[in-house]
Amino acid sequence: MNPEEKEISYTSTNTYSTLNQFDEKTEYVWFVCHGMGYLSRYFLRYFKVLNPETNYIIAPQAQSKFYIPPKFKHVGASWLTRENTVAETKNVLSFFDAVFAAEPALSSKKLIVLGYSQGVSVAMRYLAKRQLQCEHLILHSGGIPVELKPSDLDFHKAKTTLIYGNKDKYLTGERAAEQTRMAKALFKKNLDIIEFEGVHEVNVEFIKGLV
């Protein structure tokens, strides 16, 4: 007999990290999704360049943890893989729902949504599935989900920026051109494309200049 794979549902607990305080001085709230190999609390260091009085940053933590090679000393995390992607995506969306419920700031101020590397896919899926309204969507050095269609984003009228480094080993040549074509098809006139001098890394200067 062949092995049989079964599915169950259960309650899970996860964390998210925040930077700065949300109060009457806050002007912008950021929802930022880290890339593979990050932990949310360390990903937030890239946003310390922003004015702490006017920017409140929220970083959800990917659920799947692993030890990073080659020394297997430090811990990183991953959002999704090609294994059981549909079910795992539902888990991520439910987790994001819980973060939004726990953080009233996410619906009460100017919202900036940023996905970096692997975080681009989960940020875009959440935005599309929940028809999330934001002021600016930033797709930083990551892949756009192939299943998304222009009709999935008809509601999205906010500014969108696709940004990547010209020496990014994951977005070279044909791959970069493909992502650009997909972004243009999805966002049309609301899209800005920025290619910076650099590798696969967070562009801190770009973030600093946003607000």
N, C-alpha and C. Protein backbone atom coordinates (compact mmCIF):
# COMPACT_ATOMS: atom_id res chain seq x y z
N MET A 1 0.83 -1.21 0.00
CA MET A 1 0.00 0.00 0.00
C MET A 1 0.86 1.25 0.00
N ASN A 2 0.39 2.27 -0.67
CA ASN A 2 1.10 3.54 -0.69
C ASN A 2 0.76 4.37 0.55
N PRO A 3 1.68 5.22 0.99
CA PRO A 3 1.38 6.09 2.13
C PRO A 3 0.20 7.00 1.81
N GLU A 4 -0.58 7.30 2.82
CA GLU A 4 -1.72 8.20 2.66
C GLU A 4 -1.48 9.47 3.48
N GLU A 5 -1.59 10.60 2.83
CA GLU A 5 -1.40 11.87 3.53
C GLU A 5 -2.75 12.43 3.93
N LYS A 6 -2.91 12.76 5.21
CA LYS A 6 -4.16 13.29 5.73
C LYS A 6 -3.95 14.71 6.24
N GLU A 7 -5.06 15.42 6.37
CA GLU A 7 -4.98 16.82 6.77
C GLU A 7 -5.82 17.07 8.01
N ILE A 8 -5.29 17.85 8.96
CA ILE A 8 -6.02 18.26 10.14
C ILE A 8 -5.88 19.76 10.33
N SER A 9 -6.72 20.33 11.16
CA SER A 9 -6.62 21.75 11.52
C SER A 9 -6.36 21.86 13.02
N TYR A 10 -5.56 22.84 13.41
CA TYR A 10 -5.27 23.04 14.82
C TYR A 10 -4.92 24.51 15.06
N THR A 11 -4.91 24.93 16.29
CA THR A 11 -4.57 26.30 16.64
C THR A 11 -3.07 26.44 16.81
N SER A 12 -2.52 27.48 16.22
CA SER A 12 -1.07 27.71 16.29
C SER A 12 -0.79 29.10 16.85
N THR A 13 0.37 29.26 17.47
CA THR A 13 0.79 30.55 18.03
C THR A 13 2.04 31.03 17.32
N ASN A 14 2.08 32.31 16.98
CA ASN A 14 3.23 32.87 16.30
C ASN A 14 3.49 34.28 16.82
N THR A 15 4.58 34.88 16.41
CA THR A 15 4.95 36.21 16.89
C THR A 15 5.00 37.20 15.74
N TYR A 16 5.05 38.48 16.10
CA TYR A 16 5.38 39.55 15.16
C TYR A 16 6.15 40.60 15.95
N SER A 17 6.90 41.43 15.24
CA SER A 17 7.74 42.42 15.88
C SER A 17 7.33 43.82 15.45
N THR A 18 7.53 44.79 16.35
CA THR A 18 7.22 46.18 16.03
C THR A 18 8.41 47.07 16.34
N LEU A 19 8.45 48.20 15.67
CA LEU A 19 9.50 49.19 15.88
C LEU A 19 8.86 50.55 16.09
N ASN A 20 9.26 51.26 17.12
CA ASN A 20 8.74 52.57 17.50
C ASN A 20 7.38 52.45 18.17
N GLN A 21 6.80 53.58 18.51
CA GLN A 21 5.52 53.62 19.21
C GLN A 21 4.43 54.17 18.31
N PHE A 22 3.23 53.62 18.46
CA PHE A 22 2.09 54.15 17.74
C PHE A 22 1.33 55.11 18.65
N ASP A 23 1.32 56.39 18.28
CA ASP A 23 0.61 57.40 19.08
C ASP A 23 0.13 58.52 18.17
N GLU A 24 -0.24 59.64 18.78
CA GLU A 24 -0.81 60.74 18.00
C GLU A 24 0.19 61.36 17.02
N LYS A 25 1.47 61.12 17.21
CA LYS A 25 2.48 61.67 16.30
C LYS A 25 2.70 60.79 15.06
N THR A 26 2.22 59.58 15.11
CA THR A 26 2.44 58.64 14.00
C THR A 26 1.73 59.11 12.74
N GLU A 27 2.46 59.13 11.65
CA GLU A 27 1.88 59.50 10.35
C GLU A 27 1.78 58.30 9.40
N TYR A 28 2.76 57.40 9.49
CA TYR A 28 2.79 56.25 8.58
C TYR A 28 2.91 54.95 9.38
N VAL A 29 2.13 53.97 8.98
CA VAL A 29 2.24 52.63 9.54
C VAL A 29 2.70 51.70 8.43
N TRP A 30 3.73 50.90 8.72
CA TRP A 30 4.32 49.99 7.75
C TRP A 30 3.99 48.55 8.12
N PHE A 31 3.61 47.76 7.12
CA PHE A 31 3.45 46.32 7.28
C PHE A 31 4.50 45.70 6.38
N VAL A 32 5.55 45.11 6.96
CA VAL A 32 6.71 44.69 6.18
C VAL A 32 6.94 43.19 6.33
N CYS A 33 7.09 42.50 5.21
CA CYS A 33 7.26 41.06 5.19
C CYS A 33 8.69 40.71 4.79
N HIS A 34 9.38 40.05 5.67
CA HIS A 34 10.81 39.76 5.47
C HIS A 34 11.03 38.67 4.43
N GLY A 35 12.29 38.53 4.04
CA GLY A 35 12.68 37.50 3.09
C GLY A 35 13.09 36.22 3.79
N MET A 36 13.39 35.19 3.00
CA MET A 36 13.79 33.89 3.55
C MET A 36 15.10 34.01 4.31
N GLY A 37 15.15 33.38 5.47
CA GLY A 37 16.36 33.39 6.28
C GLY A 37 16.38 34.47 7.34
N TYR A 38 15.36 35.33 7.36
CA TYR A 38 15.29 36.40 8.34
C TYR A 38 14.43 35.99 9.53
N LEU A 39 14.62 36.68 10.63
CA LEU A 39 13.66 36.75 11.71
C LEU A 39 13.14 38.19 11.74
N SER A 40 11.87 38.35 12.08
CA SER A 40 11.24 39.66 11.95
C SER A 40 11.94 40.73 12.78
N ARG A 41 12.40 40.38 13.97
CA ARG A 41 13.02 41.40 14.84
C ARG A 41 14.33 41.93 14.24
N TYR A 42 15.02 41.10 13.48
CA TYR A 42 16.25 41.56 12.84
C TYR A 42 15.96 42.29 11.53
N PHE A 43 14.89 41.90 10.85
CA PHE A 43 14.50 42.59 9.62
C PHE A 43 14.18 44.06 9.90
N LEU A 44 13.68 44.35 11.08
CA LEU A 44 13.29 45.72 11.42
C LEU A 44 14.47 46.69 11.48
N ARG A 45 15.68 46.18 11.55
CA ARG A 45 16.83 47.08 11.63
C ARG A 45 16.95 47.96 10.39
N TYR A 46 16.44 47.47 9.25
CA TYR A 46 16.53 48.26 8.02
C TYR A 46 15.62 49.49 8.06
N PHE A 47 14.70 49.52 8.99
CA PHE A 47 13.74 50.61 9.06
C PHE A 47 14.06 51.62 10.16
N LYS A 48 15.21 51.44 10.78
CA LYS A 48 15.63 52.39 11.81
C LYS A 48 16.06 53.72 11.22
N VAL A 49 16.20 53.78 9.89
CA VAL A 49 16.56 55.04 9.22
C VAL A 49 15.36 55.99 9.17
N LEU A 50 14.17 55.48 9.42
CA LEU A 50 12.97 56.31 9.37
C LEU A 50 12.79 57.08 10.67
N ASN A 51 12.12 58.21 10.57
CA ASN A 51 11.82 59.03 11.74
C ASN A 51 11.00 58.20 12.73
N PRO A 52 11.52 57.94 13.93
CA PRO A 52 10.81 57.08 14.88
C PRO A 52 9.53 57.70 15.43
N GLU A 53 9.40 59.00 15.35
CA GLU A 53 8.20 59.65 15.87
C GLU A 53 7.02 59.53 14.92
N THR A 54 7.30 59.45 13.63
CA THR A 54 6.21 59.48 12.65
C THR A 54 6.00 58.15 11.92
N ASN A 55 6.83 57.16 12.20
CA ASN A 55 6.72 55.87 11.52
C ASN A 55 6.65 54.72 12.52
N TYR A 56 5.62 53.91 12.38
CA TYR A 56 5.41 52.73 13.21
C TYR A 56 5.47 51.52 12.28
N ILE A 57 6.37 50.58 12.58
CA ILE A 57 6.63 49.46 11.67
C ILE A 57 6.24 48.15 12.32
N ILE A 58 5.52 47.32 11.58
CA ILE A 58 5.06 46.02 12.05
C ILE A 58 5.59 44.95 11.10
N ALA A 59 6.29 43.96 11.65
CA ALA A 59 6.88 42.89 10.83
C ALA A 59 6.38 41.54 11.32
N PRO A 60 5.50 40.87 10.57
CA PRO A 60 5.09 39.52 10.95
C PRO A 60 6.24 38.53 10.80
N GLN A 61 6.20 37.48 11.60
CA GLN A 61 7.25 36.47 11.58
C GLN A 61 6.81 35.23 10.81
N ALA A 62 7.57 34.86 9.79
CA ALA A 62 7.27 33.62 9.06
C ALA A 62 7.30 32.44 10.03
N GLN A 63 6.39 31.50 9.82
CA GLN A 63 6.21 30.42 10.79
C GLN A 63 7.28 29.35 10.76
N SER A 64 7.79 29.03 9.58
CA SER A 64 8.70 27.89 9.43
C SER A 64 10.13 28.31 9.73
N LYS A 65 10.70 27.79 10.80
CA LYS A 65 12.05 28.14 11.22
C LYS A 65 13.04 27.04 10.79
N PHE A 66 14.29 27.45 10.58
CA PHE A 66 15.32 26.48 10.25
C PHE A 66 16.69 27.05 10.62
N TYR A 67 17.66 26.17 10.83
CA TYR A 67 19.03 26.60 11.10
C TYR A 67 19.73 26.91 9.78
N ILE A 68 20.40 28.04 9.73
CA ILE A 68 21.01 28.52 8.49
C ILE A 68 22.39 27.89 8.30
N PRO A 69 22.63 27.25 7.13
CA PRO A 69 23.96 26.71 6.84
C PRO A 69 24.94 27.84 6.56
N PRO A 70 26.26 27.60 6.60
CA PRO A 70 26.87 26.26 6.77
C PRO A 70 27.11 25.86 8.23
N LYS A 71 27.07 26.82 9.16
CA LYS A 71 27.39 26.49 10.55
C LYS A 71 26.17 26.01 11.33
N PHE A 72 24.98 26.25 10.81
CA PHE A 72 23.74 25.83 11.47
C PHE A 72 23.67 26.33 12.91
N LYS A 73 24.09 27.60 13.06
CA LYS A 73 24.09 28.24 14.38
C LYS A 73 22.95 29.23 14.50
N HIS A 74 22.76 30.04 13.45
CA HIS A 74 21.73 31.06 13.47
C HIS A 74 20.42 30.53 12.89
N VAL A 75 19.32 31.11 13.37
CA VAL A 75 17.99 30.67 12.95
C VAL A 75 17.39 31.65 11.96
N GLY A 76 16.80 31.13 10.90
CA GLY A 76 16.06 31.93 9.93
C GLY A 76 14.67 31.36 9.77
N ALA A 77 13.90 31.95 8.86
CA ALA A 77 12.52 31.49 8.67
C ALA A 77 12.12 31.61 7.21
N SER A 78 11.09 30.86 6.85
CA SER A 78 10.59 30.84 5.48
C SER A 78 9.08 30.93 5.49
N TRP A 79 8.52 31.64 4.50
CA TRP A 79 7.07 31.79 4.41
C TRP A 79 6.41 30.58 3.75
N LEU A 80 6.82 30.30 2.52
CA LEU A 80 6.15 29.27 1.73
C LEU A 80 7.17 28.49 0.90
N THR A 81 6.80 27.28 0.54
CA THR A 81 7.56 26.51 -0.44
C THR A 81 6.56 25.98 -1.48
N ARG A 82 7.03 25.21 -2.42
CA ARG A 82 6.13 24.62 -3.41
C ARG A 82 5.36 23.44 -2.83
N GLU A 83 5.69 23.02 -1.61
CA GLU A 83 5.00 21.92 -0.95
C GLU A 83 3.73 22.42 -0.26
N ASN A 84 2.58 21.91 -0.68
CA ASN A 84 1.29 22.23 -0.05
C ASN A 84 1.06 23.74 0.02
N THR A 85 1.35 24.42 -1.08
CA THR A 85 1.35 25.89 -1.10
C THR A 85 -0.02 26.49 -0.81
N VAL A 86 -1.08 25.90 -1.34
CA VAL A 86 -2.42 26.47 -1.16
C VAL A 86 -2.82 26.49 0.31
N ALA A 87 -2.64 25.36 0.99
CA ALA A 87 -2.98 25.28 2.41
C ALA A 87 -2.09 26.18 3.25
N GLU A 88 -0.79 26.20 2.93
CA GLU A 88 0.14 27.03 3.69
C GLU A 88 -0.16 28.52 3.49
N THR A 89 -0.59 28.88 2.28
CA THR A 89 -0.96 30.27 2.03
C THR A 89 -2.15 30.66 2.90
N LYS A 90 -3.13 29.78 3.03
CA LYS A 90 -4.28 30.06 3.89
C LYS A 90 -3.83 30.28 5.34
N ASN A 91 -2.84 29.50 5.78
CA ASN A 91 -2.32 29.68 7.13
C ASN A 91 -1.68 31.05 7.30
N VAL A 92 -0.91 31.47 6.29
CA VAL A 92 -0.26 32.78 6.36
C VAL A 92 -1.30 33.89 6.38
N LEU A 93 -2.33 33.78 5.53
CA LEU A 93 -3.36 34.81 5.49
C LEU A 93 -4.11 34.90 6.81
N SER A 94 -4.38 33.76 7.43
CA SER A 94 -5.04 33.76 8.74
C SER A 94 -4.16 34.40 9.80
N PHE A 95 -2.88 34.14 9.73
CA PHE A 95 -1.92 34.77 10.65
C PHE A 95 -1.92 36.29 10.46
N PHE A 96 -1.87 36.73 9.22
CA PHE A 96 -1.90 38.18 8.95
C PHE A 96 -3.21 38.80 9.44
N ASP A 97 -4.32 38.09 9.27
CA ASP A 97 -5.59 38.58 9.80
C ASP A 97 -5.48 38.83 11.31
N ALA A 98 -4.83 37.91 12.00
CA ALA A 98 -4.68 38.03 13.45
C ALA A 98 -3.80 39.23 13.82
N VAL A 99 -2.74 39.46 13.02
CA VAL A 99 -1.88 40.63 13.27
C VAL A 99 -2.67 41.92 13.06
N PHE A 100 -3.44 41.98 12.00
CA PHE A 100 -4.25 43.17 11.74
C PHE A 100 -5.28 43.39 12.85
N ALA A 101 -5.83 42.32 13.38
CA ALA A 101 -6.80 42.43 14.47
C ALA A 101 -6.13 42.92 15.75
N ALA A 102 -4.88 42.52 15.94
CA ALA A 102 -4.15 42.90 17.16
C ALA A 102 -3.58 44.31 17.09
N GLU A 103 -3.45 44.85 15.88
CA GLU A 103 -2.83 46.16 15.70
C GLU A 103 -3.81 47.12 15.01
N PRO A 104 -4.61 47.85 15.78
CA PRO A 104 -5.54 48.83 15.19
C PRO A 104 -4.84 49.85 14.32
N ALA A 105 -3.56 50.07 14.56
CA ALA A 105 -2.79 51.03 13.76
C ALA A 105 -2.85 50.72 12.28
N LEU A 106 -3.00 49.45 11.94
CA LEU A 106 -2.97 49.04 10.54
C LEU A 106 -4.17 49.52 9.73
N SER A 107 -5.19 49.98 10.42
CA SER A 107 -6.37 50.47 9.70
C SER A 107 -6.68 51.93 10.00
N SER A 108 -5.82 52.57 10.77
CA SER A 108 -6.16 53.92 11.19
C SER A 108 -5.22 55.01 10.68
N LYS A 109 -4.16 54.62 10.01
CA LYS A 109 -3.20 55.59 9.52
C LYS A 109 -2.82 55.28 8.07
N LYS A 110 -2.00 56.12 7.49
CA LYS A 110 -1.49 55.85 6.15
C LYS A 110 -0.66 54.56 6.18
N LEU A 111 -1.06 53.59 5.38
CA LEU A 111 -0.45 52.27 5.42
C LEU A 111 0.49 52.07 4.23
N ILE A 112 1.70 51.63 4.53
CA ILE A 112 2.67 51.25 3.51
C ILE A 112 2.93 49.75 3.66
N VAL A 113 2.74 49.01 2.58
CA VAL A 113 2.97 47.57 2.59
C VAL A 113 4.24 47.28 1.79
N LEU A 114 5.18 46.58 2.42
CA LEU A 114 6.44 46.26 1.76
C LEU A 114 6.72 44.77 1.88
N GLY A 115 7.02 44.14 0.76
CA GLY A 115 7.50 42.77 0.76
C GLY A 115 8.91 42.74 0.21
N TYR A 116 9.78 42.04 0.91
CA TYR A 116 11.16 41.91 0.43
C TYR A 116 11.46 40.44 0.12
N SER A 117 12.02 40.19 -1.07
CA SER A 117 12.41 38.85 -1.49
C SER A 117 11.21 37.90 -1.37
N GLN A 118 11.31 36.84 -0.58
CA GLN A 118 10.21 35.90 -0.45
C GLN A 118 8.96 36.57 0.13
N GLY A 119 9.15 37.67 0.86
CA GLY A 119 8.03 38.38 1.45
C GLY A 119 7.13 39.06 0.43
N VAL A 120 7.61 39.23 -0.80
CA VAL A 120 6.78 39.85 -1.84
C VAL A 120 5.55 38.99 -2.11
N SER A 121 5.73 37.68 -2.20
CA SER A 121 4.62 36.79 -2.56
C SER A 121 3.52 36.80 -1.51
N VAL A 122 3.89 36.75 -0.22
CA VAL A 122 2.85 36.72 0.82
C VAL A 122 2.19 38.09 0.97
N ALA A 123 2.96 39.16 0.80
CA ALA A 123 2.37 40.50 0.89
C ALA A 123 1.36 40.71 -0.23
N MET A 124 1.69 40.30 -1.45
CA MET A 124 0.79 40.48 -2.57
C MET A 124 -0.45 39.60 -2.46
N ARG A 125 -0.27 38.38 -2.00
CA ARG A 125 -1.43 37.49 -1.86
C ARG A 125 -2.39 38.03 -0.81
N TYR A 126 -1.85 38.56 0.27
CA TYR A 126 -2.72 39.10 1.30
C TYR A 126 -3.46 40.33 0.79
N LEU A 127 -2.73 41.21 0.13
CA LEU A 127 -3.34 42.41 -0.42
C LEU A 127 -4.48 42.07 -1.36
N ALA A 128 -4.25 41.07 -2.24
CA ALA A 128 -5.25 40.69 -3.23
C ALA A 128 -6.45 39.98 -2.60
N LYS A 129 -6.17 39.02 -1.72
CA LYS A 129 -7.25 38.22 -1.14
C LYS A 129 -8.14 39.04 -0.21
N ARG A 130 -7.54 39.96 0.53
CA ARG A 130 -8.30 40.76 1.49
C ARG A 130 -8.67 42.13 0.93
N GLN A 131 -8.28 42.40 -0.31
CA GLN A 131 -8.52 43.70 -0.94
C GLN A 131 -8.08 44.83 0.00
N LEU A 132 -6.86 44.69 0.44
CA LEU A 132 -6.29 45.61 1.42
C LEU A 132 -6.02 46.97 0.79
N GLN A 133 -6.50 48.01 1.44
CA GLN A 133 -6.26 49.38 0.97
C GLN A 133 -5.00 49.92 1.63
N CYS A 134 -4.09 50.44 0.82
CA CYS A 134 -2.87 51.02 1.36
C CYS A 134 -2.50 52.25 0.54
N GLU A 135 -1.57 53.02 1.04
CA GLU A 135 -1.12 54.21 0.33
C GLU A 135 -0.01 53.89 -0.65
N HIS A 136 0.80 52.88 -0.32
CA HIS A 136 1.95 52.54 -1.16
C HIS A 136 2.26 51.07 -0.99
N LEU A 137 2.41 50.36 -2.10
CA LEU A 137 2.81 48.96 -2.12
C LEU A 137 4.21 48.88 -2.71
N ILE A 138 5.12 48.24 -1.98
CA ILE A 138 6.51 48.14 -2.42
C ILE A 138 6.90 46.68 -2.59
N LEU A 139 7.29 46.32 -3.81
CA LEU A 139 7.71 44.95 -4.14
C LEU A 139 9.22 44.97 -4.34
N HIS A 140 9.94 44.54 -3.33
CA HIS A 140 11.39 44.71 -3.28
C HIS A 140 12.10 43.37 -3.51
N SER A 141 12.67 43.22 -4.69
CA SER A 141 13.57 42.09 -5.00
C SER A 141 12.92 40.73 -4.77
N GLY A 142 11.67 40.59 -5.19
CA GLY A 142 10.99 39.31 -5.01
C GLY A 142 10.14 38.93 -6.19
N GLY A 143 9.52 37.76 -6.10
CA GLY A 143 8.73 37.24 -7.20
C GLY A 143 7.24 37.47 -7.01
N ILE A 144 6.58 37.91 -8.06
CA ILE A 144 5.14 38.13 -8.05
C ILE A 144 4.43 36.77 -8.21
N PRO A 145 3.43 36.49 -7.38
CA PRO A 145 2.71 35.20 -7.50
C PRO A 145 2.13 35.01 -8.90
N VAL A 146 2.38 33.88 -9.50
CA VAL A 146 2.00 33.66 -10.89
C VAL A 146 0.48 33.55 -11.07
N GLU A 147 -0.23 33.22 -10.00
CA GLU A 147 -1.68 33.03 -10.14
C GLU A 147 -2.48 34.33 -10.14
N LEU A 148 -1.84 35.43 -9.76
CA LEU A 148 -2.58 36.69 -9.69
C LEU A 148 -2.88 37.23 -11.08
N LYS A 149 -4.09 37.72 -11.25
CA LYS A 149 -4.55 38.31 -12.51
C LYS A 149 -4.88 39.77 -12.30
N PRO A 150 -4.88 40.58 -13.37
CA PRO A 150 -5.23 42.00 -13.23
C PRO A 150 -6.57 42.21 -12.53
N SER A 151 -7.54 41.33 -12.76
CA SER A 151 -8.85 41.47 -12.13
C SER A 151 -8.78 41.30 -10.61
N ASP A 152 -7.75 40.60 -10.12
CA ASP A 152 -7.58 40.42 -8.68
C ASP A 152 -7.19 41.72 -7.99
N LEU A 153 -6.69 42.66 -8.78
CA LEU A 153 -6.18 43.91 -8.22
C LEU A 153 -6.92 45.13 -8.78
N ASP A 154 -8.13 44.91 -9.28
CA ASP A 154 -8.93 46.04 -9.79
C ASP A 154 -9.17 47.09 -8.71
N PHE A 155 -9.28 46.65 -7.48
CA PHE A 155 -9.55 47.57 -6.36
C PHE A 155 -8.34 48.44 -6.00
N HIS A 156 -7.16 48.01 -6.39
CA HIS A 156 -5.91 48.63 -5.94
C HIS A 156 -5.58 49.85 -6.79
N LYS A 157 -5.68 51.01 -6.21
CA LYS A 157 -5.41 52.26 -6.92
C LYS A 157 -4.18 52.98 -6.38
N ALA A 158 -3.55 52.42 -5.38
CA ALA A 158 -2.43 53.08 -4.72
C ALA A 158 -1.15 52.98 -5.56
N LYS A 159 -0.21 53.82 -5.23
CA LYS A 159 1.10 53.79 -5.87
C LYS A 159 1.78 52.46 -5.58
N THR A 160 2.42 51.90 -6.60
CA THR A 160 3.14 50.64 -6.45
C THR A 160 4.55 50.81 -7.01
N THR A 161 5.52 50.30 -6.27
CA THR A 161 6.92 50.39 -6.70
C THR A 161 7.53 49.00 -6.77
N LEU A 162 8.11 48.68 -7.92
CA LEU A 162 8.89 47.45 -8.11
C LEU A 162 10.36 47.87 -8.09
N ILE A 163 11.12 47.34 -7.14
CA ILE A 163 12.52 47.75 -7.00
C ILE A 163 13.42 46.52 -6.85
N TYR A 164 14.56 46.56 -7.54
CA TYR A 164 15.51 45.45 -7.44
C TYR A 164 16.90 45.94 -7.85
N GLY A 165 17.93 45.22 -7.42
CA GLY A 165 19.30 45.57 -7.75
C GLY A 165 19.72 45.02 -9.10
N ASN A 166 20.57 45.77 -9.82
CA ASN A 166 21.00 45.32 -11.14
C ASN A 166 22.01 44.17 -11.09
N LYS A 167 22.47 43.85 -9.88
CA LYS A 167 23.39 42.71 -9.71
C LYS A 167 22.76 41.64 -8.81
N ASP A 168 21.46 41.64 -8.74
CA ASP A 168 20.73 40.65 -7.94
C ASP A 168 20.84 39.28 -8.62
N LYS A 169 21.43 38.32 -7.92
CA LYS A 169 21.67 37.00 -8.53
C LYS A 169 20.37 36.22 -8.74
N TYR A 170 19.30 36.65 -8.08
CA TYR A 170 18.01 35.96 -8.23
C TYR A 170 17.10 36.63 -9.26
N LEU A 171 17.46 37.83 -9.69
CA LEU A 171 16.63 38.58 -10.63
C LEU A 171 17.47 39.11 -11.78
N THR A 172 18.15 38.22 -12.44
CA THR A 172 19.02 38.63 -13.54
C THR A 172 18.32 38.44 -14.88
N GLY A 173 18.64 39.29 -15.82
CA GLY A 173 18.22 39.11 -17.21
C GLY A 173 16.77 38.80 -17.43
N GLU A 174 16.49 37.60 -17.91
CA GLU A 174 15.15 37.17 -18.28
C GLU A 174 14.19 37.20 -17.09
N ARG A 175 14.68 36.82 -15.91
CA ARG A 175 13.84 36.80 -14.71
C ARG A 175 13.37 38.21 -14.35
N ALA A 176 14.28 39.18 -14.42
CA ALA A 176 13.91 40.57 -14.13
C ALA A 176 12.92 41.09 -15.15
N ALA A 177 13.14 40.74 -16.42
CA ALA A 177 12.23 41.18 -17.48
C ALA A 177 10.84 40.57 -17.28
N GLU A 178 10.80 39.31 -16.87
CA GLU A 178 9.52 38.64 -16.63
C GLU A 178 8.76 39.31 -15.49
N GLN A 179 9.45 39.62 -14.39
CA GLN A 179 8.80 40.27 -13.27
C GLN A 179 8.29 41.66 -13.65
N THR A 180 9.05 42.35 -14.47
CA THR A 180 8.63 43.67 -14.93
C THR A 180 7.37 43.58 -15.78
N ARG A 181 7.32 42.59 -16.68
CA ARG A 181 6.13 42.39 -17.51
C ARG A 181 4.91 42.07 -16.66
N MET A 182 5.09 41.21 -15.68
CA MET A 182 3.98 40.84 -14.81
C MET A 182 3.48 42.04 -14.01
N ALA A 183 4.41 42.83 -13.50
CA ALA A 183 4.03 44.01 -12.71
C ALA A 183 3.27 45.01 -13.56
N LYS A 184 3.72 45.23 -14.78
CA LYS A 184 3.04 46.17 -15.67
C LYS A 184 1.63 45.70 -15.99
N ALA A 185 1.46 44.40 -16.17
CA ALA A 185 0.14 43.86 -16.48
C ALA A 185 -0.81 44.01 -15.29
N LEU A 186 -0.28 43.86 -14.08
CA LEU A 186 -1.12 43.92 -12.89
C LEU A 186 -1.45 45.34 -12.46
N PHE A 187 -0.46 46.24 -12.56
CA PHE A 187 -0.62 47.57 -11.96
C PHE A 187 -0.75 48.71 -12.96
N LYS A 188 -0.39 48.47 -14.18
CA LYS A 188 -0.57 49.43 -15.26
C LYS A 188 0.04 50.78 -14.92
N LYS A 189 -0.77 51.85 -14.88
CA LYS A 189 -0.23 53.21 -14.73
C LYS A 189 0.22 53.54 -13.31
N ASN A 190 -0.16 52.72 -12.35
CA ASN A 190 0.20 53.01 -10.96
C ASN A 190 1.59 52.50 -10.58
N LEU A 191 2.35 52.05 -11.54
CA LEU A 191 3.61 51.36 -11.26
C LEU A 191 4.84 52.23 -11.53
N ASP A 192 5.77 52.23 -10.57
CA ASP A 192 7.11 52.79 -10.76
C ASP A 192 8.10 51.63 -10.69
N ILE A 193 9.08 51.62 -11.59
CA ILE A 193 10.10 50.57 -11.59
C ILE A 193 11.45 51.21 -11.33
N ILE A 194 12.13 50.72 -10.29
CA ILE A 194 13.43 51.26 -9.90
C ILE A 194 14.47 50.14 -9.92
N GLU A 195 15.49 50.33 -10.72
CA GLU A 195 16.63 49.40 -10.74
C GLU A 195 17.82 50.13 -10.13
N PHE A 196 18.31 49.64 -9.00
CA PHE A 196 19.42 50.33 -8.33
C PHE A 196 20.72 49.56 -8.51
N GLU A 197 21.81 50.23 -8.25
CA GLU A 197 23.14 49.64 -8.33
C GLU A 197 23.36 48.81 -7.07
N GLY A 198 23.31 47.48 -7.21
CA GLY A 198 23.49 46.67 -6.03
C GLY A 198 23.06 45.23 -6.23
N VAL A 199 23.20 44.46 -5.16
CA VAL A 199 22.93 43.03 -5.18
C VAL A 199 21.58 42.75 -4.50
N HIS A 200 21.37 41.49 -4.13
CA HIS A 200 20.12 41.09 -3.48
C HIS A 200 20.18 41.49 -2.00
N GLU A 201 19.81 42.72 -1.74
CA GLU A 201 19.84 43.24 -0.38
C GLU A 201 18.82 44.36 -0.24
N VAL A 202 18.42 44.65 0.99
CA VAL A 202 17.45 45.71 1.24
C VAL A 202 18.09 47.06 0.94
N ASN A 203 17.41 47.86 0.13
CA ASN A 203 17.92 49.19 -0.23
C ASN A 203 17.47 50.19 0.83
N VAL A 204 18.33 50.43 1.79
CA VAL A 204 18.00 51.30 2.93
C VAL A 204 17.83 52.74 2.48
N GLU A 205 18.61 53.19 1.52
CA GLU A 205 18.50 54.56 1.05
C GLU A 205 17.13 54.79 0.39
N PHE A 206 16.63 53.82 -0.31
CA PHE A 206 15.30 53.94 -0.90
C PHE A 206 14.26 54.07 0.20
N ILE A 207 14.33 53.23 1.22
CA ILE A 207 13.37 53.29 2.33
C ILE A 207 13.46 54.64 3.02
N LYS A 208 14.66 55.12 3.24
CA LYS A 208 14.87 56.41 3.92
C LYS A 208 14.21 57.55 3.15
N GLY A 209 14.21 57.47 1.82
CA GLY A 209 13.68 58.56 1.02
C GLY A 209 12.19 58.50 0.76
N LEU A 210 11.51 57.49 1.28
CA LEU A 210 10.09 57.32 0.98
C LEU A 210 9.20 58.33 1.69
N VAL A 211 9.50 58.64 2.96
CA VAL A 211 8.62 59.54 3.74
C VAL A 211 9.47 60.62 4.40
